[in-house]
PDB file of N, CA and C in Angstrom:
ATOM      1  N   MET A   1       4.996 -16.416  11.795  1.00  0.00           N
ATOM      2  CA  MET A   1       4.512 -16.540  13.151  1.00  0.00           C
ATOM      3  C   MET A   1       3.497 -15.432  13.386  1.00  0.00           C
ATOM      4  N   GLN A   2       2.270 -15.790  13.750  1.00  0.00           N
ATOM      5  CA  GLN A   2       1.207 -14.797  13.915  1.00  0.00           C
ATOM      6  C   GLN A   2       1.245 -14.150  15.281  1.00  0.00           C
ATOM      7  N   VAL A   3       1.022 -12.829  15.283  1.00  0.00           N
ATOM      8  CA  VAL A   3       0.896 -12.029  16.494  1.00  0.00           C
ATOM      9  C   VAL A   3      -0.400 -11.229  16.353  1.00  0.00           C
ATOM     10  N   THR A   4      -1.221 -11.219  17.386  1.00  0.00           N
ATOM     11  CA  THR A   4      -2.422 -10.399  17.376  1.00  0.00           C
ATOM     12  C   THR A   4      -2.138  -9.136  18.174  1.00  0.00           C
ATOM     13  N   ARG A   5      -2.262  -8.020  17.509  1.00  0.00           N
ATOM     14  CA  ARG A   5      -2.052  -6.722  18.154  1.00  0.00           C
ATOM     15  C   ARG A   5      -3.386  -6.237  18.691  1.00  0.00           C
ATOM     16  N   ILE A   6      -3.379  -5.682  19.908  1.00  0.00           N
ATOM     17  CA  ILE A   6      -4.549  -5.017  20.459  1.00  0.00           C
ATOM     18  C   ILE A   6      -4.106  -3.589  20.739  1.00  0.00           C
ATOM     19  N   TYR A   7      -4.802  -2.635  20.117  1.00  0.00           N
ATOM     20  CA  TYR A   7      -4.360  -1.239  20.147  1.00  0.00           C
ATOM     21  C   TYR A   7      -5.562  -0.312  20.331  1.00  0.00           C
ATOM     22  N   THR A   8      -5.277   0.927  20.698  1.00  0.00           N
ATOM     23  CA  THR A   8      -6.315   1.934  20.856  1.00  0.00           C
ATOM     24  C   THR A   8      -6.496   2.673  19.540  1.00  0.00           C
ATOM     25  N   GLY A   9      -7.729   2.670  19.019  1.00  0.00           N
ATOM     26  CA  GLY A   9      -8.038   3.380  17.781  1.00  0.00           C
ATOM     27  C   GLY A   9      -8.361   4.843  18.050  1.00  0.00           C
ATOM     28  N   ASP A  10      -8.589   5.576  16.984  1.00  0.00           N
ATOM     29  CA  ASP A  10      -8.945   6.989  17.093  1.00  0.00           C
ATOM     30  C   ASP A  10     -10.242   7.201  17.857  1.00  0.00           C
ATOM     31  N   ASP A  11     -11.072   6.156  17.952  1.00  0.00           N
ATOM     32  CA  ASP A  11     -12.339   6.233  18.675  1.00  0.00           C
ATOM     33  C   ASP A  11     -12.190   6.006  20.177  1.00  0.00           C
ATOM     34  N   GLY A  12     -10.936   5.774  20.647  1.00  0.00           N
ATOM     35  CA  GLY A  12     -10.697   5.549  22.069  1.00  0.00           C
ATOM     36  C   GLY A  12     -10.972   4.134  22.517  1.00  0.00           C
ATOM     37  N   GLN A  13     -11.369   3.256  21.592  1.00  0.00           N
ATOM     38  CA  GLN A  13     -11.637   1.855  21.919  1.00  0.00           C
ATOM     39  C   GLN A  13     -10.496   0.977  21.428  1.00  0.00           C
ATOM     40  N   SER A  14     -10.373  -0.177  22.046  1.00  0.00           N
ATOM     41  CA  SER A  14      -9.360  -1.148  21.630  1.00  0.00           C
ATOM     42  C   SER A  14      -9.860  -1.937  20.426  1.00  0.00           C
ATOM     43  N   HIS A  15      -8.925  -2.341  19.571  1.00  0.00           N
ATOM     44  CA  HIS A  15      -9.219  -3.108  18.367  1.00  0.00           C
ATOM     45  C   HIS A  15      -8.147  -4.171  18.184  1.00  0.00           C
ATOM     46  N   PHE A  16      -8.486  -5.255  17.463  1.00  0.00           N
ATOM     47  CA  PHE A  16      -7.539  -6.308  17.124  1.00  0.00           C
ATOM     48  C   PHE A  16      -6.987  -6.081  15.724  1.00  0.00           C
ATOM     49  N   GLU A  17      -5.752  -6.507  15.518  1.00  0.00           N
ATOM     50  CA  GLU A  17      -5.137  -6.529  14.194  1.00  0.00           C
ATOM     51  C   GLU A  17      -4.202  -7.735  14.145  1.00  0.00           C
ATOM     52  N   ASP A  18      -4.370  -8.587  13.137  1.00  0.00           N
ATOM     53  CA  ASP A  18      -3.485  -9.742  12.986  1.00  0.00           C
ATOM     54  C   ASP A  18      -2.255  -9.334  12.190  1.00  0.00           C
ATOM     55  N   LEU A  19      -1.095  -9.651  12.735  1.00  0.00           N
ATOM     56  CA  LEU A  19       0.180  -9.316  12.110  1.00  0.00           C
ATOM     57  C   LEU A  19       1.016 -10.577  11.965  1.00  0.00           C
ATOM     58  N   GLU A  20       1.960 -10.548  11.062  1.00  0.00           N
ATOM     59  CA  GLU A  20       2.884 -11.654  10.858  1.00  0.00           C
ATOM     60  C   GLU A  20       4.269 -11.213  11.302  1.00  0.00           C
ATOM     61  N   LEU A  21       4.804 -11.878  12.327  1.00  0.00           N
ATOM     62  CA  LEU A  21       6.147 -11.566  12.803  1.00  0.00           C
ATOM     63  C   LEU A  21       7.136 -12.024  11.734  1.00  0.00           C
ATOM     64  N   PRO A  22       7.912 -11.107  11.160  1.00  0.00           N
ATOM     65  CA  PRO A  22       8.832 -11.512  10.100  1.00  0.00           C
ATOM     66  C   PRO A  22      10.021 -12.297  10.646  1.00  0.00           C
ATOM     67  N   LEU A  23      10.257 -13.441  10.074  1.00  0.00           N
ATOM     68  CA  LEU A  23      11.420 -14.255  10.426  1.00  0.00           C
ATOM     69  C   LEU A  23      12.462 -13.980   9.347  1.00  0.00           C
ATOM     70  N   GLU A  24      13.367 -13.050   9.650  1.00  0.00           N
ATOM     71  CA  GLU A  24      14.271 -12.496   8.656  1.00  0.00           C
ATOM     72  C   GLU A  24      15.686 -13.042   8.710  1.00  0.00           C
ATOM     73  N   VAL A  25      16.042 -13.648   9.813  1.00  0.00           N
ATOM     74  CA  VAL A  25      17.408 -14.128   9.983  1.00  0.00           C
ATOM     75  C   VAL A  25      17.400 -15.641   9.796  1.00  0.00           C
ATOM     76  N   VAL A  26      18.035 -16.128   8.741  1.00  0.00           N
ATOM     77  CA  VAL A  26      18.043 -17.559   8.444  1.00  0.00           C
ATOM     78  C   VAL A  26      19.405 -18.132   8.828  1.00  0.00           C
ATOM     79  N   THR A  27      19.373 -19.199   9.597  1.00  0.00           N
ATOM     80  CA  THR A  27      20.605 -19.885  10.013  1.00  0.00           C
ATOM     81  C   THR A  27      20.458 -21.361   9.675  1.00  0.00           C
ATOM     82  N   GLY A  28      21.470 -22.124   9.981  1.00  0.00           N
ATOM     83  CA  GLY A  28      21.402 -23.562   9.788  1.00  0.00           C
ATOM     84  C   GLY A  28      20.397 -24.228  10.714  1.00  0.00           C
ATOM     85  N   TYR A  29      19.931 -23.488  11.731  1.00  0.00           N
ATOM     86  CA  TYR A  29      18.981 -24.034  12.703  1.00  0.00           C
ATOM     87  C   TYR A  29      17.548 -23.625  12.419  1.00  0.00           C
ATOM     88  N   GLY A  30      17.341 -22.724  11.466  1.00  0.00           N
ATOM     89  CA  GLY A  30      15.992 -22.268  11.150  1.00  0.00           C
ATOM     90  C   GLY A  30      15.952 -20.764  10.970  1.00  0.00           C
ATOM     91  N   ALA A  31      14.749 -20.218  10.990  1.00  0.00           N
ATOM     92  CA  ALA A  31      14.548 -18.786  10.790  1.00  0.00           C
ATOM     93  C   ALA A  31      14.197 -18.119  12.115  1.00  0.00           C
ATOM     94  N   MET A  32      14.661 -16.883  12.290  1.00  0.00           N
ATOM     95  CA  MET A  32      14.432 -16.126  13.519  1.00  0.00           C
ATOM     96  C   MET A  32      14.035 -14.701  13.168  1.00  0.00           C
ATOM     97  N   SER A  33      13.400 -14.056  14.118  1.00  0.00           N
ATOM     98  CA  SER A  33      13.139 -12.631  13.971  1.00  0.00           C
ATOM     99  C   SER A  33      14.430 -11.878  14.296  1.00  0.00           C
ATOM    100  N   LYS A  34      14.423 -10.606  13.942  1.00  0.00           N
ATOM    101  CA  LYS A  34      15.511  -9.751  14.412  1.00  0.00           C
ATOM    102  C   LYS A  34      15.336  -9.566  15.908  1.00  0.00           C
ATOM    103  N   ARG A  35      16.390  -9.129  16.581  1.00  0.00           N
ATOM    104  CA  ARG A  35      16.305  -8.906  18.023  1.00  0.00           C
ATOM    105  C   ARG A  35      15.329  -7.782  18.338  1.00  0.00           C
ATOM    106  N   ILE A  36      14.593  -7.978  19.414  1.00  0.00           N
ATOM    107  CA  ILE A  36      13.652  -6.981  19.903  1.00  0.00           C
ATOM    108  C   ILE A  36      14.120  -6.589  21.303  1.00  0.00           C
ATOM    109  N   GLY A  37      14.382  -5.301  21.489  1.00  0.00           N
ATOM    110  CA  GLY A  37      14.810  -4.838  22.809  1.00  0.00           C
ATOM    111  C   GLY A  37      13.665  -4.931  23.807  1.00  0.00           C
ATOM    112  N   VAL A  38      13.947  -5.461  24.980  1.00  0.00           N
ATOM    113  CA  VAL A  38      12.919  -5.597  26.009  1.00  0.00           C
ATOM    114  C   VAL A  38      13.405  -4.972  27.311  1.00  0.00           C
ATOM    115  N   SER A  39      12.442  -4.585  28.152  1.00  0.00           N
ATOM    116  CA  SER A  39      12.756  -3.983  29.448  1.00  0.00           C
ATOM    117  C   SER A  39      12.707  -4.997  30.580  1.00  0.00           C
ATOM    118  N   TYR A  40      11.688  -5.872  30.548  1.00  0.00           N
ATOM    119  CA  TYR A  40      11.559  -6.890  31.585  1.00  0.00           C
ATOM    120  C   TYR A  40      10.588  -7.963  31.138  1.00  0.00           C
ATOM    121  N   ALA A  41      10.551  -9.059  31.889  1.00  0.00           N
ATOM    122  CA  ALA A  41       9.590 -10.139  31.660  1.00  0.00           C
ATOM    123  C   ALA A  41       8.967 -10.520  33.004  1.00  0.00           C
ATOM    124  N   ILE A  42       7.694 -10.877  32.957  1.00  0.00           N
ATOM    125  CA  ILE A  42       6.965 -11.331  34.143  1.00  0.00           C
ATOM    126  C   ILE A  42       6.251 -12.628  33.773  1.00  0.00           C
ATOM    127  N   PHE A  43       6.262 -13.595  34.675  1.00  0.00           N
ATOM    128  CA  PHE A  43       5.491 -14.823  34.509  1.00  0.00           C
ATOM    129  C   PHE A  43       4.319 -14.743  35.484  1.00  0.00           C
ATOM    130  N   ARG A  44       3.132 -15.172  35.033  1.00  0.00           N
ATOM    131  CA  ARG A  44       1.947 -15.039  35.884  1.00  0.00           C
ATOM    132  C   ARG A  44       1.065 -16.273  35.756  1.00  0.00           C
ATOM    133  N   GLU A  45       0.476 -16.668  36.873  1.00  0.00           N
ATOM    134  CA  GLU A  45      -0.546 -17.710  36.870  1.00  0.00           C
ATOM    135  C   GLU A  45      -1.851 -17.050  37.314  1.00  0.00           C
ATOM    136  N   THR A  46      -2.861 -17.147  36.461  1.00  0.00           N
ATOM    137  CA  THR A  46      -4.165 -16.559  36.737  1.00  0.00           C
ATOM    138  C   THR A  46      -5.100 -17.655  37.232  1.00  0.00           C
ATOM    139  N   GLN A  47      -5.767 -17.382  38.311  1.00  0.00           N
ATOM    140  CA  GLN A  47      -6.645 -18.364  38.924  1.00  0.00           C
ATOM    141  C   GLN A  47      -7.990 -18.460  38.203  1.00  0.00           C
ATOM    142  N   PRO A  48      -8.726 -19.549  38.423  1.00  0.00           N
ATOM    143  CA  PRO A  48     -10.055 -19.721  37.806  1.00  0.00           C
ATOM    144  C   PRO A  48     -10.977 -18.551  38.134  1.00  0.00           C
ATOM    145  N   SER A  49     -11.957 -18.373  37.284  1.00  0.00           N
ATOM    146  CA  SER A  49     -12.973 -17.335  37.439  1.00  0.00           C
ATOM    147  C   SER A  49     -12.414 -15.927  37.233  1.00  0.00           C
ATOM    148  N   TYR A  50     -11.260 -15.822  36.590  1.00  0.00           N
ATOM    149  CA  TYR A  50     -10.678 -14.519  36.267  1.00  0.00           C
ATOM    150  C   TYR A  50     -11.586 -13.845  35.248  1.00  0.00           C
ATOM    151  N   ASP A  51     -12.125 -12.687  35.597  1.00  0.00           N
ATOM    152  CA  ASP A  51     -13.036 -11.960  34.716  1.00  0.00           C
ATOM    153  C   ASP A  51     -12.833 -10.477  34.984  1.00  0.00           C
ATOM    154  N   LEU A  52     -12.031  -9.844  34.163  1.00  0.00           N
ATOM    155  CA  LEU A  52     -11.656  -8.456  34.388  1.00  0.00           C
ATOM    156  C   LEU A  52     -12.381  -7.561  33.390  1.00  0.00           C
ATOM    157  N   ASP A  53     -13.090  -6.574  33.914  1.00  0.00           N
ATOM    158  CA  ASP A  53     -13.801  -5.626  33.070  1.00  0.00           C
ATOM    159  C   ASP A  53     -12.776  -4.770  32.306  1.00  0.00           C
ATOM    160  N   TYR A  54     -13.240  -3.795  31.572  1.00  0.00           N
ATOM    161  CA  TYR A  54     -12.358  -2.987  30.728  1.00  0.00           C
ATOM    162  C   TYR A  54     -11.169  -2.430  31.508  1.00  0.00           C
ATOM    163  N   HIS A  55     -10.001  -2.622  30.954  1.00  0.00           N
ATOM    164  CA  HIS A  55      -8.750  -2.148  31.534  1.00  0.00           C
ATOM    165  C   HIS A  55      -7.748  -1.952  30.403  1.00  0.00           C
ATOM    166  N   THR A  56      -6.779  -1.110  30.622  1.00  0.00           N
ATOM    167  CA  THR A  56      -5.737  -0.889  29.622  1.00  0.00           C
ATOM    168  C   THR A  56      -4.509  -1.721  29.969  1.00  0.00           C
ATOM    169  N   ALA A  57      -3.679  -1.953  28.975  1.00  0.00           N
ATOM    170  CA  ALA A  57      -2.401  -2.625  29.216  1.00  0.00           C
ATOM    171  C   ALA A  57      -1.513  -1.667  30.010  1.00  0.00           C
ATOM    172  N   PRO A  58      -0.761  -2.159  30.986  1.00  0.00           N
ATOM    173  CA  PRO A  58       0.083  -1.279  31.795  1.00  0.00           C
ATOM    174  C   PRO A  58       1.302  -0.753  31.035  1.00  0.00           C
ATOM    175  N   ALA A  59       1.642  -1.421  29.937  1.00  0.00           N
ATOM    176  CA  ALA A  59       2.802  -1.048  29.127  1.00  0.00           C
ATOM    177  C   ALA A  59       2.671  -1.744  27.780  1.00  0.00           C
ATOM    178  N   ARG A  60       3.436  -1.327  26.797  1.00  0.00           N
ATOM    179  CA  ARG A  60       3.461  -2.018  25.503  1.00  0.00           C
ATOM    180  C   ARG A  60       4.202  -3.328  25.734  1.00  0.00           C
ATOM    181  N   GLN A  61       3.505  -4.444  25.543  1.00  0.00           N
ATOM    182  CA  GLN A  61       4.090  -5.723  25.913  1.00  0.00           C
ATOM    183  C   GLN A  61       3.533  -6.873  25.087  1.00  0.00           C
ATOM    184  N   PHE A  62       4.362  -7.888  24.934  1.00  0.00           N
ATOM    185  CA  PHE A  62       3.919  -9.153  24.372  1.00  0.00           C
ATOM    186  C   PHE A  62       3.350  -9.964  25.514  1.00  0.00           C
ATOM    187  N   VAL A  63       2.243 -10.662  25.248  1.00  0.00           N
ATOM    188  CA  VAL A  63       1.666 -11.582  26.224  1.00  0.00           C
ATOM    189  C   VAL A  63       1.599 -12.944  25.533  1.00  0.00           C
ATOM    190  N   VAL A  64       2.333 -13.891  26.073  1.00  0.00           N
ATOM    191  CA  VAL A  64       2.401 -15.234  25.499  1.00  0.00           C
ATOM    192  C   VAL A  64       1.684 -16.182  26.448  1.00  0.00           C
ATOM    193  N   THR A  65       0.648 -16.833  25.948  1.00  0.00           N
ATOM    194  CA  THR A  65      -0.076 -17.806  26.772  1.00  0.00           C
ATOM    195  C   THR A  65       0.679 -19.130  26.719  1.00  0.00           C
ATOM    196  N   LEU A  66       1.038 -19.641  27.880  1.00  0.00           N
ATOM    197  CA  LEU A  66       1.783 -20.895  27.986  1.00  0.00           C
ATOM    198  C   LEU A  66       0.859 -22.079  28.256  1.00  0.00           C
ATOM    199  N   ARG A  67      -0.184 -21.841  29.064  1.00  0.00           N
ATOM    200  CA  ARG A  67      -1.132 -22.890  29.436  1.00  0.00           C
ATOM    201  C   ARG A  67      -2.467 -22.249  29.743  1.00  0.00           C
ATOM    202  N   GLY A  68      -3.555 -22.940  29.450  1.00  0.00           N
ATOM    203  CA  GLY A  68      -4.885 -22.399  29.685  1.00  0.00           C
ATOM    204  C   GLY A  68      -5.314 -21.513  28.529  1.00  0.00           C
ATOM    205  N   SER A  69      -6.392 -20.768  28.729  1.00  0.00           N
ATOM    206  CA  SER A  69      -6.853 -19.870  27.670  1.00  0.00           C
ATOM    207  C   SER A  69      -7.634 -18.707  28.261  1.00  0.00           C
ATOM    208  N   VAL A  70      -7.689 -17.629  27.474  1.00  0.00           N
ATOM    209  CA  VAL A  70      -8.354 -16.398  27.872  1.00  0.00           C
ATOM    210  C   VAL A  70      -9.113 -15.841  26.670  1.00  0.00           C
ATOM    211  N   GLU A  71     -10.220 -15.181  26.946  1.00  0.00           N
ATOM    212  CA  GLU A  71     -10.948 -14.472  25.904  1.00  0.00           C
ATOM    213  C   GLU A  71     -10.749 -12.980  26.150  1.00  0.00           C
ATOM    214  N   LEU A  72     -10.265 -12.275  25.131  1.00  0.00           N
ATOM    215  CA  LEU A  72     -10.121 -10.827  25.208  1.00  0.00           C
ATOM    216  C   LEU A  72     -11.241 -10.193  24.401  1.00  0.00           C
ATOM    217  N   GLY A  73     -11.765  -9.085  24.897  1.00  0.00           N
ATOM    218  CA  GLY A  73     -12.843  -8.392  24.213  1.00  0.00           C
ATOM    219  C   GLY A  73     -12.546  -6.923  24.026  1.00  0.00           C
ATOM    220  N   CYS A  74     -12.993  -6.370  22.904  1.00  0.00           N
ATOM    221  CA  CYS A  74     -12.814  -4.957  22.588  1.00  0.00           C
ATOM    222  C   CYS A  74     -14.154  -4.234  22.704  1.00  0.00           C
ATOM    223  N   GLY A  75     -14.107  -2.914  22.779  1.00  0.00           N
ATOM    224  CA  GLY A  75     -15.305  -2.102  22.927  1.00  0.00           C
ATOM    225  C   GLY A  75     -16.270  -2.221  21.772  1.00  0.00           C
ATOM    226  N   ASP A  76     -15.796  -2.644  20.605  1.00  0.00           N
ATOM    227  CA  ASP A  76     -16.683  -2.794  19.445  1.00  0.00           C
ATOM    228  C   ASP A  76     -17.438  -4.127  19.464  1.00  0.00           C
ATOM    229  N   GLY A  77     -17.262  -4.912  20.547  1.00  0.00           N
ATOM    230  CA  GLY A  77     -17.954  -6.188  20.685  1.00  0.00           C
ATOM    231  C   GLY A  77     -17.174  -7.383  20.167  1.00  0.00           C
ATOM    232  N   THR A  78     -16.029  -7.150  19.519  1.00  0.00           N
ATOM    233  CA  THR A  78     -15.205  -8.237  19.008  1.00  0.00           C
ATOM    234  C   THR A  78     -14.503  -8.954  20.149  1.00  0.00           C
ATOM    235  N   THR A  79     -14.517 -10.287  20.118  1.00  0.00           N
ATOM    236  CA  THR A  79     -13.790 -11.084  21.103  1.00  0.00           C
ATOM    237  C   THR A  79     -12.901 -12.077  20.358  1.00  0.00           C
ATOM    238  N   LYS A  80     -11.808 -12.454  21.000  1.00  0.00           N
ATOM    239  CA  LYS A  80     -10.924 -13.483  20.448  1.00  0.00           C
ATOM    240  C   LYS A  80     -10.445 -14.364  21.583  1.00  0.00           C
ATOM    241  N   LEU A  81     -10.301 -15.645  21.273  1.00  0.00           N
ATOM    242  CA  LEU A  81      -9.822 -16.627  22.237  1.00  0.00           C
ATOM    243  C   LEU A  81      -8.335 -16.869  21.997  1.00  0.00           C
ATOM    244  N   PHE A  82      -7.556 -16.875  23.074  1.00  0.00           N
ATOM    245  CA  PHE A  82      -6.116 -17.104  22.991  1.00  0.00           C
ATOM    246  C   PHE A  82      -5.739 -18.259  23.916  1.00  0.00           C
ATOM    247  N   GLY A  83      -5.122 -19.285  23.328  1.00  0.00           N
ATOM    248  CA  GLY A  83      -4.714 -20.456  24.079  1.00  0.00           C
ATOM    249  C   GLY A  83      -3.212 -20.641  24.048  1.00  0.00           C
ATOM    250  N   PRO A  84      -2.729 -21.815  24.449  1.00  0.00           N
ATOM    251  CA  PRO A  84      -1.293 -22.070  24.517  1.00  0.00           C
ATOM    252  C   PRO A  84      -0.588 -21.773  23.193  1.00  0.00           C
ATOM    253  N   GLY A  85       0.488 -21.021  23.295  1.00  0.00           N
ATOM    254  CA  GLY A  85       1.292 -20.674  22.126  1.00  0.00           C
ATOM    255  C   GLY A  85       0.867 -19.386  21.451  1.00  0.00           C
ATOM    256  N   SER A  86      -0.243 -18.810  21.855  1.00  0.00           N
ATOM    257  CA  SER A  86      -0.686 -17.571  21.207  1.00  0.00           C
ATOM    258  C   SER A  86       0.146 -16.395  21.713  1.00  0.00           C
ATOM    259  N   ILE A  87       0.320 -15.413  20.821  1.00  0.00           N
ATOM    260  CA  ILE A  87       1.092 -14.218  21.138  1.00  0.00           C
ATOM    261  C   ILE A  87       0.212 -13.000  20.873  1.00  0.00           C
ATOM    262  N   VAL A  88       0.046 -12.173  21.892  1.00  0.00           N
ATOM    263  CA  VAL A  88      -0.684 -10.917  21.766  1.00  0.00           C
ATOM    264  C   VAL A  88       0.309  -9.788  22.010  1.00  0.00           C
ATOM    265  N   PHE A  89       0.253  -8.761  21.165  1.00  0.00           N
ATOM    266  CA  PHE A  89       1.031  -7.552  21.441  1.00  0.00           C
ATOM    267  C   PHE A  89       0.045  -6.513  21.941  1.00  0.00           C
ATOM    268  N   ALA A  90       0.052  -6.277  23.244  1.00  0.00           N
ATOM    269  CA  ALA A  90      -0.890  -5.353  23.877  1.00  0.00           C
ATOM    270  C   ALA A  90      -0.269  -3.969  23.942  1.00  0.00           C
ATOM    271  N   GLU A  91      -0.908  -3.032  23.241  1.00  0.00           N
ATOM    272  CA  GLU A  91      -0.439  -1.648  23.326  1.00  0.00           C
ATOM    273  C   GLU A  91      -1.608  -0.674  23.444  1.00  0.00           C
ATOM    274  N   ASP A  92      -2.724  -1.178  23.967  1.00  0.00           N
ATOM    275  CA  ASP A  92      -3.849  -0.292  24.251  1.00  0.00           C
ATOM    276  C   ASP A  92      -3.668   0.274  25.659  1.00  0.00           C
ATOM    277  N   THR A  93      -2.688   1.147  25.796  1.00  0.00           N
ATOM    278  CA  THR A  93      -2.311   1.705  27.103  1.00  0.00           C
ATOM    279  C   THR A  93      -3.150   2.912  27.502  1.00  0.00           C
ATOM    280  N   GLU A  94      -4.077   3.316  26.633  1.00  0.00           N
ATOM    281  CA  GLU A  94      -4.990   4.418  26.952  1.00  0.00           C
ATOM    282  C   GLU A  94      -6.344   4.115  26.329  1.00  0.00           C
ATOM    283  N   GLY A  95      -7.326   4.934  26.635  1.00  0.00           N
ATOM    284  CA  GLY A  95      -8.661   4.699  26.104  1.00  0.00           C
ATOM    285  C   GLY A  95      -9.445   3.739  26.977  1.00  0.00           C
ATOM    286  N   GLN A  96     -10.465   3.110  26.369  1.00  0.00           N
ATOM    287  CA  GLN A  96     -11.346   2.208  27.108  1.00  0.00           C
ATOM    288  C   GLN A  96     -10.656   0.920  27.534  1.00  0.00           C
ATOM    289  N   GLY A  97      -9.737   0.434  26.742  1.00  0.00           N
ATOM    290  CA  GLY A  97      -9.066  -0.817  27.059  1.00  0.00           C
ATOM    291  C   GLY A  97      -9.840  -2.031  26.564  1.00  0.00           C
ATOM    292  N   HIS A  98      -9.559  -3.171  27.156  1.00  0.00           N
ATOM    293  CA  HIS A  98     -10.139  -4.443  26.736  1.00  0.00           C
ATOM    294  C   HIS A  98     -10.575  -5.235  27.966  1.00  0.00           C
ATOM    295  N   THR A  99     -11.374  -6.267  27.728  1.00  0.00           N
ATOM    296  CA  THR A  99     -11.777  -7.160  28.814  1.00  0.00           C
ATOM    297  C   THR A  99     -10.953  -8.443  28.724  1.00  0.00           C
ATOM    298  N   SER A 100     -10.821  -9.132  29.839  1.00  0.00           N
ATOM    299  CA  SER A 100     -10.122 -10.421  29.898  1.00  0.00           C
ATOM    300  C   SER A 100     -10.987 -11.381  30.708  1.00  0.00           C
ATOM    301  N   ARG A 101     -11.267 -12.560  30.132  1.00  0.00           N
ATOM    302  CA  ARG A 101     -12.132 -13.523  30.816  1.00  0.00           C
ATOM    303  C   ARG A 101     -11.508 -14.910  30.757  1.00  0.00           C
ATOM    304  N   ASP A 102     -11.437 -15.542  31.908  1.00  0.00           N
ATOM    305  CA  ASP A 102     -10.898 -16.899  32.006  1.00  0.00           C
ATOM    306  C   ASP A 102     -11.773 -17.873  31.221  1.00  0.00           C
ATOM    307  N   ILE A 103     -11.125 -18.705  30.415  1.00  0.00           N
ATOM    308  CA  ILE A 103     -11.826 -19.761  29.694  1.00  0.00           C
ATOM    309  C   ILE A 103     -11.360 -21.127  30.189  1.00  0.00           C
ATOM    310  N   GLU A 104     -10.048 -21.280  30.335  1.00  0.00           N
ATOM    311  CA  GLU A 104      -9.482 -22.542  30.835  1.00  0.00           C
ATOM    312  C   GLU A 104      -8.385 -22.211  31.834  1.00  0.00           C
ATOM    313  N   SER A 105      -8.526 -22.732  33.052  1.00  0.00           N
ATOM    314  CA  SER A 105      -7.589 -22.420  34.132  1.00  0.00           C
ATOM    315  C   SER A 105      -6.825 -23.643  34.582  1.00  0.00           C
ATOM    316  N   PRO A 106      -5.723 -23.455  35.285  1.00  0.00           N
ATOM    317  CA  PRO A 106      -5.097 -22.161  35.484  1.00  0.00           C
ATOM    318  C   PRO A 106      -4.421 -21.694  34.194  1.00  0.00           C
ATOM    319  N   ARG A 107      -4.403 -20.405  34.007  1.00  0.00           N
ATOM    320  CA  ARG A 107      -3.738 -19.839  32.836  1.00  0.00           C
ATOM    321  C   ARG A 107      -2.357 -19.367  33.249  1.00  0.00           C
ATOM    322  N   GLU A 108      -1.365 -19.853  32.544  1.00  0.00           N
ATOM    323  CA  GLU A 108       0.013 -19.415  32.776  1.00  0.00           C
ATOM    324  C   GLU A 108       0.435 -18.586  31.573  1.00  0.00           C
ATOM    325  N   SER A 109       1.016 -17.434  31.824  1.00  0.00           N
ATOM    326  CA  SER A 109       1.411 -16.556  30.737  1.00  0.00           C
ATOM    327  C   SER A 109       2.692 -15.815  31.071  1.00  0.00           C
ATOM    328  N   MET A 110       3.298 -15.289  30.019  1.00  0.00           N
ATOM    329  CA  MET A 110       4.531 -14.530  30.142  1.00  0.00           C
ATOM    330  C   MET A 110       4.294 -13.158  29.520  1.00  0.00           C
ATOM    331  N   PHE A 111       4.628 -12.109  30.243  1.00  0.00           N
ATOM    332  CA  PHE A 111       4.495 -10.739  29.778  1.00  0.00           C
ATOM    333  C   PHE A 111       5.898 -10.193  29.520  1.00  0.00           C
ATOM    334  N   ILE A 112       6.119  -9.669  28.331  1.00  0.00           N
ATOM    335  CA  ILE A 112       7.446  -9.168  27.956  1.00  0.00           C
ATOM    336  C   ILE A 112       7.299  -7.725  27.493  1.00  0.00           C
ATOM    337  N   GLN A 113       7.722  -6.785  28.335  1.00  0.00           N
ATOM    338  CA  GLN A 113       7.610  -5.370  27.976  1.00  0.00           C
ATOM    339  C   GLN A 113       8.699  -5.012  26.977  1.00  0.00           C
ATOM    340  N   VAL A 114       8.303  -4.374  25.876  1.00  0.00           N
ATOM    341  CA  VAL A 114       9.278  -3.969  24.861  1.00  0.00           C
ATOM    342  C   VAL A 114       9.946  -2.666  25.273  1.00  0.00           C
ATOM    343  N   ALA A 115      11.155  -2.456  24.780  1.00  0.00           N
ATOM    344  CA  ALA A 115      11.916  -1.249  25.071  1.00  0.00           C
ATOM    345  C   ALA A 115      11.339  -0.064  24.302  1.00  0.00           C
ATOM    346  N   GLU A 116      11.607   1.128  24.775  1.00  0.00           N
ATOM    347  CA  GLU A 116      11.190   2.348  24.085  1.00  0.00           C
ATOM    348  C   GLU A 116      11.673   2.312  22.642  1.00  0.00           C
ATOM    349  N   GLY A 117      10.849   2.822  21.757  1.00  0.00           N
ATOM    350  CA  GLY A 117      11.246   2.923  20.357  1.00  0.00           C
ATOM    351  C   GLY A 117      10.894   1.719  19.503  1.00  0.00           C
ATOM    352  N   PHE A 118      10.368   0.648  20.108  1.00  0.00           N
ATOM    353  CA  PHE A 118       9.998  -0.519  19.311  1.00  0.00           C
ATOM    354  C   PHE A 118       8.845  -0.149  18.390  1.00  0.00           C
ATOM    355  N   ASP A 119       8.968  -0.446  17.102  1.00  0.00           N
ATOM    356  CA  ASP A 119       7.956  -0.108  16.106  1.00  0.00           C
ATOM    357  C   ASP A 119       7.394  -1.383  15.493  1.00  0.00           C
ATOM    358  N   ILE A 120       6.163  -1.713  15.853  1.00  0.00           N
ATOM    359  CA  ILE A 120       5.534  -2.913  15.307  1.00  0.00           C
ATOM    360  C   ILE A 120       4.938  -2.649  13.927  1.00  0.00           C
ATOM    361  N   GLY A 121       4.891  -1.394  13.510  1.00  0.00           N
ATOM    362  CA  GLY A 121       4.301  -1.032  12.236  1.00  0.00           C
ATOM    363  C   GLY A 121       4.908  -1.734  11.040  1.00  0.00           C
ATOM    364  N   ARG A 122       6.148  -2.110  11.106  1.00  0.00           N
ATOM    365  CA  ARG A 122       6.796  -2.772   9.967  1.00  0.00           C
ATOM    366  C   ARG A 122       6.338  -4.219   9.799  1.00  0.00           C
ATOM    367  N   TRP A 123       5.540  -4.722  10.724  1.00  0.00           N
ATOM    368  CA  TRP A 123       5.059  -6.103  10.639  1.00  0.00           C
ATOM    369  C   TRP A 123       3.761  -6.222   9.857  1.00  0.00           C
ATOM    370  N   ARG A 124       3.190  -5.105   9.449  1.00  0.00           N
ATOM    371  CA  ARG A 124       1.905  -5.160   8.740  1.00  0.00           C
ATOM    372  C   ARG A 124       2.047  -5.916   7.438  1.00  0.00           C
ATOM    373  N   ARG A 125       1.035  -6.706   7.106  1.00  0.00           N
ATOM    374  CA  ARG A 125       1.025  -7.512   5.902  1.00  0.00           C
ATOM    375  C   ARG A 125       0.897  -6.659   4.673  1.00  0.00           C
TER     376      ARG A 125
END
C-alpha cells in the first residue's frame, strides 16, 4: 500500500517521498499493517476553488482523500495529484510548507493525527 510522505528537508522546504506501508500481519482475511497509535481523526469537506498558498501541516498526520482531488506542491516546484484512495503522511510541520490546490470538488478527506513516537522511517524501501 503506497503512502506519499511530505516532509521538511534540511533546506527548510517540503519534499515528497514515496513509501510502502508494510502489511506485516497476515490473517485468514488478508494482510494488515501493525497498529499505529493515533490521537484523533477529523473529516473535512473542502469547497471548490480551494487554493492555499504555502502552509505547514498542523501536526504529523495521515491525510486520506475519500472523494475529489487535490494538487500538493513543494518549494522545489514538484507537484503531485492526489485523488480518492490516496494516502499522504504530512509531517512538514515547520519550514516553508506546501501548497494545496483544488482540482476536483467537493473534496472529502480524513485527517488522522499519529501519536507521539510514531516512526515512519521503517517504511523506507
